Amino acid sequence: MDKVISIVLARVSSALSEQRGAILVIALWMLVLMAAMGATGVMLGTTEMMISGNHRAETEAVTVAEAGLMRFVGRVNENPSWPKELVRTGQTDNAFSAAALAATTLPGFTTPPDNVLKDSTFTPRGTYQVRVFPDDPVQHYYRVVSTATLPGDNATEISVEGILRTVPYQAWSVASLGCSNSNMQASAGGSYVVVGDMLAYPSLNMGGNSTSKVEVQGNVSVIGTVSIAGDSTGPIMSRIVPTAAGSGGNLTATGGVTVTNLSEVTNQVMAPALKINGTGSVIGSFVQSTPVLVNYCAPARLSRSIPTFEAIDGYIETAKLDGLVMGGASGWKLTNNDIIDLNKTPGDNTTGQVFFAPAGFSTTNKCNPCQYKGHGVIITTGAVSFSGSLLPVDPLTDRLTIIVRDGSNVGSSGSAATPVVVDIRGVIQVGAVNNLGSLKVGGNFDVGNNSRFEVYGSVFVLKGVTTNNSGGHLYIEFSAVDNSAMFRKYEVGQWRRCAYNATTTRCI
C-alpha cells in the first residue's frame, strides 16, 4: 500500500513540475508580447508625432506663403505699376523678385521689406519670397508665386500660386459721383449734361433758366434730397430722361423730391415724398418708398471705390523715379499748341506713364489747341485750369486721367475771341480719401465763360461742388475707362498649393 501511495505522489509531483514549466513559458511569451506592444506603441506615437510635426510645419508654411502673397497684393495696390515693372524690367527686391532677372531695387522700396512672418511672441516662423510672371499681359493678369521656407527640424518649403488680376474701381461704373451736395447748375446760355448714371450725396440740386439746359440721360440715385427746378418761361430746362438707347430716366432718392417749374422726370420716381410745384411734372409713376441705396460716399466704401491717398502717392513715387515731375513753381503749363506724348514708348499704349505736376497743370490761351496722345495719368497737388483748348490727337485711342490729390480746384474759362474746348478721354477725380475713409479732401469743378468741357469717362467730385458760369458747357458721357498701362486695382484669385520649380519657373 505504501508503495502505491509513493508512486501516486511521485506522479502528482511530476505533473506539478511540468505545469510550472508551462506557466513559465506562458509568462515569458506574455512579456515578449507586452514588450512588442510597447515598442509598437512607441513607434506609432513617434510616427504620429512626426506626422503631426510635418502637418504643423506644412500648415505654417502655407500660412507664411499666403502671408507673402497677401502682403504683395497690399503693396502692389499702393503702387499699381509694380507688376508691370517687375515683369518688364526685371527689377527685384528681397521678398519680391522676378526669377532669373537682374537684382536691382524695386521702385518704392526705400529699405528691404520685412519678409519674415513672426508669431505672437515675435519669434520668426519662416520666410517667404514672391515671384511675379506675366500670365495674360493684354488683360493685365500676372502669375504670382509665393514660396515659404521654414527652418529647423521640420524644414519645409511650400509654394502658393495665384493669379493677380485687375478689378475696376467700383465708382468707375458711373458717369458722375458727387459727395458734397451736387449742384447741377447752368447759368444763362450754358449747359450741364450727363449721359449715363449719376450718384449724389447728400443732396442733388438741378437748376437752369430759359436759356440754359440741365439734363441727365440715365438713372439718378441720391442719398438725400432732390430739387429739380426750371424757369417759369421757355422750354423745359431741367430734366431726367432716358438715354438715346431708351434706358434710364428714373430717379431714386432716400429723401424728398421736389420738381418745380418747367422741369420733369420722364420715368419712375421712388422716394419717401414727392412735391410738384408750378409746371413741374413727373411723366412716369411715383412709388412712395424709402429705397435702400449703396452710398459710395460712405467712408469705408469710398476708400474701396476710387484711388486713395496711398495709391495716389504710390503713383507719385513712380513718377519721381521715372523722372516725370513736371513744371516748376508755376506749375506745368502747355502753350503754343504743345503736344504731349503720354507713352514711354511712342505708339505703344501699354507703356503709358504717370506724370506728377506738384504746382498744378494748365493750358494757356496760346493752346489752339494743345493736344495729348497715348495713355497717361496727370496727378497734381495744385489747381488744374484751362485757358486754352486741350484735345486728344486720336479720340478713339487716346486716354488721359487727371487727379487733383488735395483741395485744389479744376476749371476752364475762355473768351469770346478765344473760346476754350477741353476733351478728356478718361477720369477726372477732384479730391481724394485715405485707405480708412477717415480723411477726405477736395475742391470745386467749375466750367466758366466761353468754355466747353467734355469728359468721356467719369467725373468724381469728392468734397467741392460742380457749377457752370455764364456761357459754360459741361458734358459728361460715361465710357468704360481703359488706361491700360496703369490705374489698376488688384486682387488675387485661383489659389493653389504647389511646388515651385526654379528651372521651369512653374508650380507643379
Protein backbone atom coordinates (compact mmCIF):
# COMPACT_ATOMS: atom_id res chain seq x y z
CA MET A 1 0.00 0.00 0.00
CA ASP A 2 2.77 2.38 0.92
CA LYS A 3 4.43 1.65 -2.41
CA VAL A 4 1.24 2.55 -4.31
CA ILE A 5 0.95 5.86 -2.44
CA SER A 6 4.59 6.65 -3.19
CA ILE A 7 4.04 6.04 -6.90
CA VAL A 8 0.93 8.28 -6.92
CA LEU A 9 2.72 11.08 -5.09
CA ALA A 10 5.66 10.86 -7.44
CA ARG A 11 3.40 11.15 -10.48
CA VAL A 12 1.50 14.11 -8.95
CA SER A 13 4.80 15.81 -8.18
CA SER A 14 5.97 15.23 -11.75
CA ALA A 15 2.74 16.65 -13.16
CA LEU A 16 3.00 19.73 -10.98
CA SER A 17 6.59 20.19 -12.05
CA GLU A 18 5.59 20.04 -15.72
CA GLN A 19 2.79 22.65 -15.16
CA ARG A 20 5.25 25.01 -13.51
CA GLY A 21 7.39 24.87 -16.67
CA ALA A 22 4.39 25.68 -18.87
CA ILE A 23 3.46 28.68 -16.75
CA LEU A 24 6.99 29.99 -17.06
CA VAL A 25 6.84 29.67 -20.83
CA ILE A 26 3.46 31.42 -20.91
CA ALA A 27 4.75 34.18 -18.67
CA LEU A 28 7.79 34.68 -20.91
CA TRP A 29 5.62 34.85 -24.01
CA MET A 30 3.38 37.36 -22.29
CA LEU A 31 6.41 39.51 -21.50
CA VAL A 32 7.57 39.30 -25.14
CA LEU A 33 4.08 40.24 -26.36
CA MET A 34 3.84 43.14 -23.97
CA ALA A 35 7.29 44.36 -25.00
CA ALA A 36 6.29 44.15 -28.66
CA MET A 37 3.09 46.03 -27.95
CA GLY A 38 5.03 48.66 -26.07
CA ALA A 39 7.53 49.02 -28.89
CA THR A 40 4.68 49.28 -31.39
CA GLY A 41 3.05 51.97 -29.26
CA VAL A 42 6.27 53.90 -29.09
CA MET A 43 6.71 53.61 -32.86
CA LEU A 44 3.12 54.68 -33.51
CA GLY A 45 3.47 57.58 -31.12
CA THR A 46 6.71 58.67 -32.73
CA THR A 47 5.19 58.34 -36.20
CA GLU A 48 2.15 60.31 -35.14
CA MET A 49 4.38 62.97 -33.65
CA MET A 50 6.35 63.12 -36.89
CA ILE A 51 3.14 63.30 -38.92
CA SER A 52 1.78 65.94 -36.59
CA GLY A 53 5.03 67.89 -36.77
CA ASN A 54 5.12 67.68 -40.55
CA HIS A 55 1.46 68.65 -40.77
CA ARG A 56 2.06 71.60 -38.47
CA ALA A 57 5.12 72.60 -40.49
CA GLU A 58 3.18 72.36 -43.74
CA THR A 59 0.31 74.37 -42.26
CA GLU A 60 2.73 77.01 -41.05
CA ALA A 61 4.48 77.04 -44.41
CA VAL A 62 1.19 77.54 -46.25
CA THR A 63 0.33 80.35 -43.81
CA VAL A 64 3.70 82.00 -44.44
CA ALA A 65 3.31 81.63 -48.22
CA GLU A 66 -0.20 83.09 -48.12
CA ALA A 67 1.06 85.94 -45.95
CA GLY A 68 3.65 86.75 -48.59
CA LEU A 69 1.05 86.66 -51.34
CA MET A 70 -1.37 88.91 -49.47
CA ARG A 71 1.37 91.32 -48.46
CA PHE A 72 2.38 91.60 -52.09
CA VAL A 73 -1.21 92.37 -53.12
CA GLY A 74 -1.39 95.05 -50.44
CA ARG A 75 1.86 96.63 -51.54
CA VAL A 76 1.02 96.43 -55.22
CA ASN A 77 -2.27 98.26 -54.63
CA GLU A 78 -0.23 101.05 -53.04
CA ASN A 79 1.83 101.23 -56.22
CA PRO A 80 -0.13 99.61 -59.08
CA SER A 81 2.71 99.98 -61.59
CA TRP A 82 4.86 97.41 -59.76
CA PRO A 83 3.71 94.23 -61.53
CA LYS A 84 4.42 95.83 -64.89
CA GLU A 85 7.83 97.00 -63.70
CA LEU A 86 8.68 93.60 -62.21
CA VAL A 87 7.93 91.73 -65.40
CA ARG A 88 9.05 94.27 -67.95
CA THR A 89 12.33 95.49 -66.48
CA GLY A 90 13.25 92.66 -64.13
CA GLN A 91 13.53 94.79 -61.04
CA THR A 92 13.65 92.78 -57.83
CA ASP A 93 13.89 93.08 -54.08
CA ASN A 94 14.48 90.71 -51.16
CA ALA A 95 10.94 89.48 -50.71
CA PHE A 96 9.63 90.41 -54.14
CA SER A 97 11.63 89.17 -57.07
CA ALA A 98 11.19 88.15 -60.66
CA ALA A 99 13.05 84.88 -61.08
CA ALA A 100 16.20 84.77 -63.21
CA LEU A 101 16.19 88.56 -63.64
CA ALA A 102 18.72 91.17 -62.55
CA ALA A 103 18.74 92.04 -58.86
CA THR A 104 18.03 95.75 -58.58
CA THR A 105 15.86 97.82 -56.28
CA LEU A 106 12.13 97.69 -56.82
CA PRO A 107 10.60 101.19 -57.19
CA GLY A 108 9.00 102.38 -53.98
CA PHE A 109 11.07 100.26 -51.58
CA THR A 110 13.42 102.58 -49.73
CA THR A 111 14.50 99.78 -47.38
CA PRO A 112 14.35 95.99 -47.79
CA PRO A 113 10.92 94.74 -46.76
CA ASP A 114 10.45 92.50 -43.76
CA ASN A 115 9.72 89.15 -45.36
CA VAL A 116 9.75 87.21 -42.07
CA LEU A 117 6.45 86.08 -40.60
CA LYS A 118 6.56 86.15 -36.81
CA ASP A 119 4.27 84.57 -34.21
CA SER A 120 2.60 86.26 -31.22
CA THR A 121 5.89 86.28 -29.32
CA PHE A 122 7.68 87.80 -32.32
CA THR A 123 9.59 84.59 -32.89
CA PRO A 124 10.39 84.12 -36.59
CA ARG A 125 8.39 81.23 -38.05
CA GLY A 126 9.63 81.35 -41.61
CA THR A 127 10.39 83.48 -44.64
CA TYR A 128 8.70 83.95 -47.99
CA GLN A 129 9.71 85.02 -51.46
CA VAL A 130 7.26 86.28 -54.04
CA ARG A 131 7.93 85.89 -57.75
CA VAL A 132 5.89 87.59 -60.46
CA PHE A 133 5.45 86.34 -64.03
CA PRO A 134 3.26 87.54 -66.92
CA ASP A 135 0.16 85.43 -67.40
CA ASP A 136 -2.01 87.45 -69.76
CA PRO A 137 -0.39 90.84 -70.37
CA VAL A 138 -3.26 92.07 -72.53
CA GLN A 139 -5.69 91.65 -69.64
CA HIS A 140 -3.03 92.70 -67.10
CA TYR A 141 -3.06 89.31 -65.39
CA TYR A 142 0.04 88.12 -63.57
CA ARG A 143 1.01 84.76 -62.13
CA VAL A 144 2.28 85.24 -58.59
CA VAL A 145 4.14 82.50 -56.70
CA SER A 146 4.88 82.89 -53.00
CA THR A 147 7.39 80.34 -51.69
CA ALA A 148 7.68 79.82 -47.93
CA THR A 149 10.69 78.32 -46.20
CA LEU A 150 10.60 77.02 -42.62
CA PRO A 151 13.91 76.25 -40.85
CA GLY A 152 14.59 73.72 -38.09
CA ASP A 153 13.91 70.01 -37.65
CA ASN A 154 10.81 70.20 -39.82
CA ALA A 155 12.44 72.24 -42.57
CA THR A 156 9.78 72.77 -45.22
CA GLU A 157 9.41 74.65 -48.49
CA ILE A 158 5.94 75.11 -49.90
CA SER A 159 4.61 77.47 -52.58
CA VAL A 160 1.22 79.02 -53.15
CA GLU A 161 0.31 80.30 -56.61
CA GLY A 162 -2.43 82.73 -57.51
CA ILE A 163 -3.47 84.85 -60.46
CA LEU A 164 -3.20 88.60 -59.85
CA ARG A 165 -5.85 90.32 -61.91
CA THR A 166 -7.21 93.80 -62.28
CA VAL A 167 -10.59 94.82 -60.95
CA PRO A 168 -12.26 98.13 -61.75
CA TYR A 169 -12.72 100.75 -59.09
CA GLN A 170 -16.37 100.48 -58.08
CA ALA A 171 -17.18 104.14 -58.70
CA TRP A 172 -15.82 103.91 -62.25
CA SER A 173 -19.04 102.28 -63.38
CA VAL A 174 -20.98 105.57 -63.31
CA ALA A 175 -20.72 108.82 -65.24
CA SER A 176 -20.69 111.12 -62.22
CA LEU A 177 -20.24 110.81 -58.46
CA GLY A 178 -20.67 113.80 -56.17
CA CYS A 179 -20.05 113.52 -52.44
CA SER A 180 -20.80 117.09 -51.39
CA ASN A 181 -24.23 118.50 -52.26
CA SER A 182 -24.06 118.06 -56.02
CA ASN A 183 -25.16 121.19 -57.85
CA MET A 184 -26.12 120.74 -61.49
CA GLN A 185 -26.47 124.45 -62.23
CA ALA A 186 -26.16 126.20 -65.56
CA SER A 187 -26.37 129.95 -65.92
CA ALA A 188 -27.73 131.85 -68.93
CA GLY A 189 -26.60 130.32 -72.19
CA GLY A 190 -24.84 127.42 -70.50
CA SER A 191 -25.50 123.69 -70.25
CA TYR A 192 -24.75 120.79 -67.94
CA VAL A 193 -25.46 117.37 -69.46
CA VAL A 194 -24.65 113.94 -68.02
CA VAL A 195 -25.09 110.87 -70.23
CA GLY A 196 -25.01 107.79 -68.00
CA ASP A 197 -25.87 107.01 -64.41
CA MET A 198 -25.28 109.57 -61.68
CA LEU A 199 -24.78 109.17 -57.90
CA ALA A 200 -25.04 112.03 -55.42
CA TYR A 201 -24.78 112.62 -51.67
CA PRO A 202 -26.20 114.21 -49.50
CA SER A 203 -28.34 116.17 -51.97
CA LEU A 204 -28.81 116.98 -55.64
CA ASN A 205 -29.90 120.38 -56.94
CA MET A 206 -30.67 120.70 -60.65
CA GLY A 207 -31.44 124.18 -61.93
CA GLY A 208 -31.46 126.18 -65.13
CA ASN A 209 -33.25 129.06 -66.79
CA SER A 210 -34.90 129.80 -70.10
CA THR A 211 -31.58 129.95 -71.97
CA SER A 212 -29.76 127.07 -70.30
CA LYS A 213 -30.05 123.31 -70.17
CA VAL A 214 -29.53 120.88 -67.27
CA GLU A 215 -30.11 117.23 -68.09
CA VAL A 216 -29.28 113.70 -67.03
CA GLN A 217 -29.74 110.99 -69.63
CA GLY A 218 -29.74 107.88 -67.45
CA ASN A 219 -30.63 106.91 -63.89
CA VAL A 220 -30.06 109.16 -60.89
CA SER A 221 -29.56 107.80 -57.35
CA VAL A 222 -29.37 110.23 -54.44
CA ILE A 223 -28.63 109.53 -50.79
CA GLY A 224 -30.62 112.53 -49.58
CA THR A 225 -32.99 115.11 -51.03
CA VAL A 226 -33.51 116.23 -54.63
CA SER A 227 -34.59 119.57 -56.08
CA ILE A 228 -35.22 119.86 -59.83
CA ALA A 229 -36.11 123.37 -60.92
CA GLY A 230 -36.58 125.21 -64.20
CA ASP A 231 -37.76 128.68 -65.17
CA SER A 232 -41.31 129.89 -65.33
CA THR A 233 -40.89 130.67 -69.04
CA GLY A 234 -39.30 128.99 -72.01
CA PRO A 235 -38.77 125.31 -72.77
CA ILE A 236 -38.10 122.61 -70.22
CA MET A 237 -34.67 123.36 -68.76
CA SER A 238 -34.08 120.69 -66.07
CA ARG A 239 -34.94 117.07 -66.59
CA ILE A 240 -34.05 113.40 -66.10
CA VAL A 241 -34.68 111.38 -69.27
CA PRO A 242 -33.71 108.03 -70.81
CA THR A 243 -30.58 107.65 -72.92
CA ALA A 244 -30.78 107.61 -76.69
CA ALA A 245 -30.93 103.82 -76.43
CA GLY A 246 -34.05 104.10 -74.25
CA SER A 247 -32.60 103.08 -70.87
CA GLY A 248 -32.81 105.04 -67.63
CA GLY A 249 -34.80 108.15 -66.90
CA ASN A 250 -35.51 107.06 -63.31
CA LEU A 251 -34.91 108.97 -60.09
CA THR A 252 -34.39 107.15 -56.79
CA ALA A 253 -33.82 109.08 -53.57
CA THR A 254 -33.78 108.38 -49.86
CA GLY A 255 -35.12 111.89 -49.14
CA GLY A 256 -37.92 114.02 -50.50
CA VAL A 257 -38.08 115.10 -54.15
CA THR A 258 -39.30 118.50 -55.38
CA VAL A 259 -39.99 119.17 -59.07
CA THR A 260 -40.61 122.80 -59.92
CA ASN A 261 -41.44 124.90 -63.00
CA LEU A 262 -40.67 123.51 -66.44
CA SER A 263 -38.71 120.57 -65.15
CA GLU A 264 -39.54 116.89 -65.48
CA VAL A 265 -38.67 113.30 -64.71
CA THR A 266 -39.58 111.06 -67.63
CA ASN A 267 -39.90 107.71 -65.88
CA GLN A 268 -40.30 106.47 -62.30
CA VAL A 269 -39.64 108.44 -59.15
CA MET A 270 -39.07 106.38 -55.99
CA ALA A 271 -38.77 108.45 -52.83
CA PRO A 272 -40.41 108.94 -49.42
CA ALA A 273 -42.18 112.07 -50.69
CA LEU A 274 -42.78 113.94 -53.94
CA LYS A 275 -43.78 117.60 -54.30
CA ILE A 276 -44.62 119.16 -57.66
CA ASN A 277 -44.72 122.94 -57.93
CA GLY A 278 -45.95 125.07 -60.81
CA THR A 279 -45.33 123.44 -64.19
CA GLY A 280 -43.05 120.71 -62.91
CA SER A 281 -44.01 117.20 -63.94
CA VAL A 282 -43.33 113.50 -63.46
CA ILE A 283 -44.39 111.74 -66.62
CA GLY A 284 -43.90 108.25 -65.20
CA SER A 285 -45.08 106.78 -61.91
CA PHE A 286 -44.36 107.78 -58.33
CA VAL A 287 -43.54 104.99 -55.88
CA GLN A 288 -43.69 106.22 -52.31
CA SER A 289 -40.96 104.31 -50.55
CA THR A 290 -37.65 104.78 -48.79
CA PRO A 291 -35.25 102.83 -51.01
CA VAL A 292 -32.05 101.21 -49.80
CA LEU A 293 -29.18 102.58 -51.88
CA VAL A 294 -25.48 101.91 -51.89
CA ASN A 295 -23.74 105.02 -50.59
CA TYR A 296 -20.46 105.19 -52.47
CA CYS A 297 -19.61 108.32 -50.50
CA ALA A 298 -19.63 106.45 -47.17
CA PRO A 299 -16.01 106.41 -45.91
CA ALA A 300 -15.44 102.64 -45.93
CA ARG A 301 -16.94 102.18 -49.39
CA LEU A 302 -15.42 105.32 -50.90
CA SER A 303 -11.94 104.14 -49.95
CA ARG A 304 -12.57 100.98 -51.99
CA SER A 305 -14.27 102.76 -54.89
CA ILE A 306 -11.62 105.23 -56.05
CA PRO A 307 -7.82 105.58 -55.91
CA THR A 308 -6.92 106.59 -52.34
CA PHE A 309 -4.17 108.87 -50.99
CA GLU A 310 -1.98 105.83 -50.52
CA ALA A 311 -2.48 104.60 -54.09
CA ILE A 312 -2.05 108.10 -55.49
CA ASP A 313 1.16 108.57 -53.51
CA GLY A 314 2.41 105.32 -55.00
CA TYR A 315 1.81 106.74 -58.48
CA ILE A 316 3.62 109.92 -57.48
CA GLU A 317 6.64 107.89 -56.34
CA THR A 318 6.63 106.10 -59.68
CA ALA A 319 6.59 109.44 -61.50
CA LYS A 320 9.51 110.67 -59.41
CA LEU A 321 11.56 107.56 -60.08
CA ASP A 322 10.80 107.82 -63.80
CA GLY A 323 11.86 111.49 -63.84
CA LEU A 324 8.36 112.68 -64.74
CA VAL A 325 7.96 115.52 -62.24
CA MET A 326 6.68 118.33 -64.45
CA GLY A 327 6.80 122.10 -64.16
CA GLY A 328 8.41 124.43 -61.67
CA ALA A 329 6.97 126.73 -59.05
CA SER A 330 4.36 127.99 -61.51
CA GLY A 331 3.19 124.50 -62.45
CA TRP A 332 3.18 122.50 -65.68
CA LYS A 333 1.91 124.78 -68.46
CA LEU A 334 1.11 123.82 -72.03
CA THR A 335 1.38 126.58 -74.62
CA ASN A 336 1.99 127.22 -78.32
CA ASN A 337 -0.03 124.17 -79.42
CA ASP A 338 2.14 121.73 -77.46
CA ILE A 339 1.56 118.01 -77.99
CA ILE A 340 2.38 115.76 -75.03
CA ASP A 341 3.13 112.08 -75.60
CA LEU A 342 1.87 110.13 -72.60
CA ASN A 343 3.53 106.86 -73.59
CA LYS A 344 7.02 105.82 -72.57
CA THR A 345 7.37 104.06 -75.92
CA PRO A 346 5.77 106.16 -78.69
CA GLY A 347 2.79 104.42 -80.24
CA ASP A 348 2.64 101.72 -77.54
CA ASN A 349 -0.28 102.39 -75.21
CA THR A 350 0.79 99.61 -72.85
CA THR A 351 3.74 101.80 -71.80
CA GLY A 352 1.68 104.76 -70.62
CA GLN A 353 3.11 106.89 -67.85
CA VAL A 354 2.19 108.78 -64.69
CA PHE A 355 3.16 112.45 -64.60
CA PHE A 356 3.35 114.48 -61.38
CA ALA A 357 2.82 118.25 -61.52
CA PRO A 358 3.26 119.43 -57.89
CA ALA A 359 2.29 123.06 -58.52
CA GLY A 360 -0.61 122.46 -60.89
CA PHE A 361 -1.42 121.79 -64.54
CA SER A 362 -2.75 124.31 -67.05
CA THR A 363 -3.11 125.35 -70.67
CA THR A 364 -2.56 128.94 -71.76
CA ASN A 365 -4.62 130.91 -74.28
CA LYS A 366 -1.95 130.07 -76.85
CA CYS A 367 -3.23 126.47 -76.99
CA ASN A 368 -5.37 126.47 -80.12
CA PRO A 369 -5.35 123.59 -79.39
CA CYS A 370 -2.72 121.82 -77.34
CA GLN A 371 -3.03 118.05 -77.60
CA TYR A 372 -2.26 114.75 -75.86
CA LYS A 373 -1.71 111.30 -77.28
CA GLY A 374 -1.31 107.82 -75.82
CA HIS A 375 -2.36 106.69 -72.35
CA GLY A 376 -1.41 108.55 -69.21
CA VAL A 377 -2.26 109.99 -65.83
CA ILE A 378 -1.54 113.50 -64.61
CA ILE A 379 -1.52 113.92 -60.83
CA THR A 380 -1.24 117.30 -59.19
CA THR A 381 -1.32 118.78 -55.72
CA GLY A 382 -2.18 122.15 -57.23
CA ALA A 383 -5.00 123.55 -59.32
CA VAL A 384 -5.97 122.48 -62.85
CA SER A 385 -7.01 125.33 -65.13
CA PHE A 386 -7.69 125.53 -68.84
CA SER A 387 -7.39 128.95 -70.51
CA GLY A 388 -6.64 127.23 -73.81
CA SER A 389 -8.01 124.16 -75.56
CA LEU A 390 -6.78 120.61 -74.92
CA LEU A 391 -7.83 117.79 -77.25
CA PRO A 392 -6.81 114.18 -77.94
CA VAL A 393 -4.88 113.52 -81.12
CA ASP A 394 -7.00 110.38 -81.68
CA PRO A 395 -10.27 110.39 -79.69
CA LEU A 396 -10.71 106.65 -80.28
CA THR A 397 -7.44 105.53 -78.67
CA ASP A 398 -6.01 108.32 -76.52
CA ARG A 399 -6.72 108.26 -72.79
CA LEU A 400 -5.94 110.85 -70.11
CA THR A 401 -6.89 110.76 -66.43
CA ILE A 402 -6.43 113.80 -64.19
CA ILE A 403 -6.30 113.55 -60.40
CA VAL A 404 -6.22 116.51 -58.04
CA ARG A 405 -4.92 114.96 -54.83
CA ASP A 406 -5.68 117.78 -52.39
CA GLY A 407 -8.31 120.51 -52.06
CA SER A 408 -7.46 122.44 -55.23
CA ASN A 409 -9.93 123.20 -58.00
CA VAL A 410 -10.46 122.21 -61.63
CA GLY A 411 -11.80 124.83 -64.01
CA SER A 412 -11.95 126.23 -67.51
CA SER A 413 -12.57 129.72 -68.85
CA GLY A 414 -12.19 131.35 -72.26
CA SER A 415 -13.16 134.49 -74.05
CA ALA A 416 -15.34 135.40 -76.99
CA ALA A 417 -12.23 135.77 -79.12
CA THR A 418 -10.60 132.51 -77.94
CA PRO A 419 -13.22 130.05 -76.70
CA VAL A 420 -11.84 127.01 -74.88
CA VAL A 421 -12.65 123.38 -75.65
CA VAL A 422 -11.38 120.64 -73.31
CA ASP A 423 -11.85 116.98 -74.28
CA ILE A 424 -10.75 114.45 -71.65
CA ARG A 425 -10.99 110.75 -72.53
CA GLY A 426 -10.71 109.24 -69.06
CA VAL A 427 -11.40 110.12 -65.46
CA ILE A 428 -11.31 113.41 -63.61
CA GLN A 429 -11.04 112.98 -59.84
CA VAL A 430 -11.19 116.13 -57.75
CA GLY A 431 -10.04 115.24 -54.24
CA ALA A 432 -9.09 112.03 -52.50
CA VAL A 433 -9.67 109.89 -49.42
CA ASN A 434 -7.34 107.76 -47.30
CA ASN A 435 -7.48 103.97 -47.06
CA LEU A 436 -9.63 104.13 -43.92
CA GLY A 437 -12.01 106.66 -45.40
CA SER A 438 -11.49 108.88 -42.35
CA LEU A 439 -9.90 111.77 -44.27
CA LYS A 440 -11.49 113.30 -47.36
CA VAL A 441 -10.42 116.44 -49.21
CA GLY A 442 -11.47 118.04 -52.47
CA GLY A 443 -12.05 121.24 -54.38
CA ASN A 444 -14.57 122.53 -56.91
CA PHE A 445 -15.13 121.74 -60.58
CA ASP A 446 -16.13 124.97 -62.32
CA VAL A 447 -16.77 125.43 -66.05
CA GLY A 448 -16.62 129.12 -66.85
CA ASN A 449 -17.39 131.60 -69.59
CA ASN A 450 -16.87 130.69 -73.23
CA SER A 451 -15.63 127.20 -72.47
CA ARG A 452 -16.87 123.72 -73.27
CA PHE A 453 -15.58 120.92 -71.05
CA GLU A 454 -16.25 117.37 -72.26
CA VAL A 455 -15.37 114.23 -70.31
CA TYR A 456 -15.81 110.80 -71.89
CA GLY A 457 -15.34 108.57 -68.87
CA SER A 458 -16.23 109.57 -65.31
CA VAL A 459 -16.11 112.62 -63.04
CA PHE A 460 -15.75 112.37 -59.26
CA VAL A 461 -16.02 115.47 -57.08
CA LEU A 462 -15.47 114.34 -53.52
CA LYS A 463 -15.90 117.43 -51.39
CA GLY A 464 -16.42 120.51 -53.55
CA VAL A 465 -19.24 121.45 -55.92
CA THR A 466 -19.65 121.38 -59.69
CA THR A 467 -21.03 124.51 -61.33
CA ASN A 468 -21.30 126.36 -64.63
CA ASN A 469 -20.85 130.09 -65.02
CA SER A 470 -22.39 132.14 -67.80
CA GLY A 471 -21.86 130.54 -71.17
CA GLY A 472 -20.08 127.44 -69.86
CA HIS A 473 -20.92 123.98 -71.15
CA LEU A 474 -20.15 120.78 -69.24
CA TYR A 475 -20.79 117.47 -70.95
CA ILE A 476 -20.05 114.14 -69.20
CA GLU A 477 -20.64 110.91 -71.09
CA PHE A 478 -19.89 107.65 -69.35
CA SER A 479 -17.33 105.46 -71.04
CA ALA A 480 -15.52 102.45 -69.63
CA VAL A 481 -12.04 103.76 -68.94
CA ASP A 482 -9.08 101.74 -70.14
CA ASN A 483 -5.87 103.41 -69.10
CA SER A 484 -4.27 100.12 -69.98
CA ALA A 485 -0.75 100.86 -68.77
CA MET A 486 -1.70 101.94 -65.26
CA PHE A 487 -4.51 102.80 -62.91
CA ARG A 488 -5.34 99.34 -61.77
CA LYS A 489 -6.63 97.83 -58.60
CA TYR A 490 -5.59 94.25 -57.95
CA GLU A 491 -6.98 91.16 -56.31
CA VAL A 492 -5.68 87.60 -56.31
CA GLY A 493 -7.70 84.50 -57.15
CA GLN A 494 -7.42 80.88 -58.33
CA TRP A 495 -5.19 79.97 -55.40
CA ARG A 496 -3.49 76.60 -55.35
CA ARG A 497 -0.75 74.94 -53.37
CA CYS A 498 2.23 73.76 -55.38
CA ALA A 499 5.95 73.06 -55.52
CA TYR A 500 7.91 75.76 -57.33
CA ASN A 501 10.38 74.62 -59.95
CA ALA A 502 13.08 77.27 -60.45
CA THR A 503 14.17 75.76 -63.77
CA THR A 504 10.77 75.94 -65.46
CA THR A 505 9.53 78.83 -63.29
CA ARG A 506 6.35 76.83 -62.89
CA CYS A 507 4.42 75.46 -59.96
CA ILE A 508 3.75 71.74 -60.20
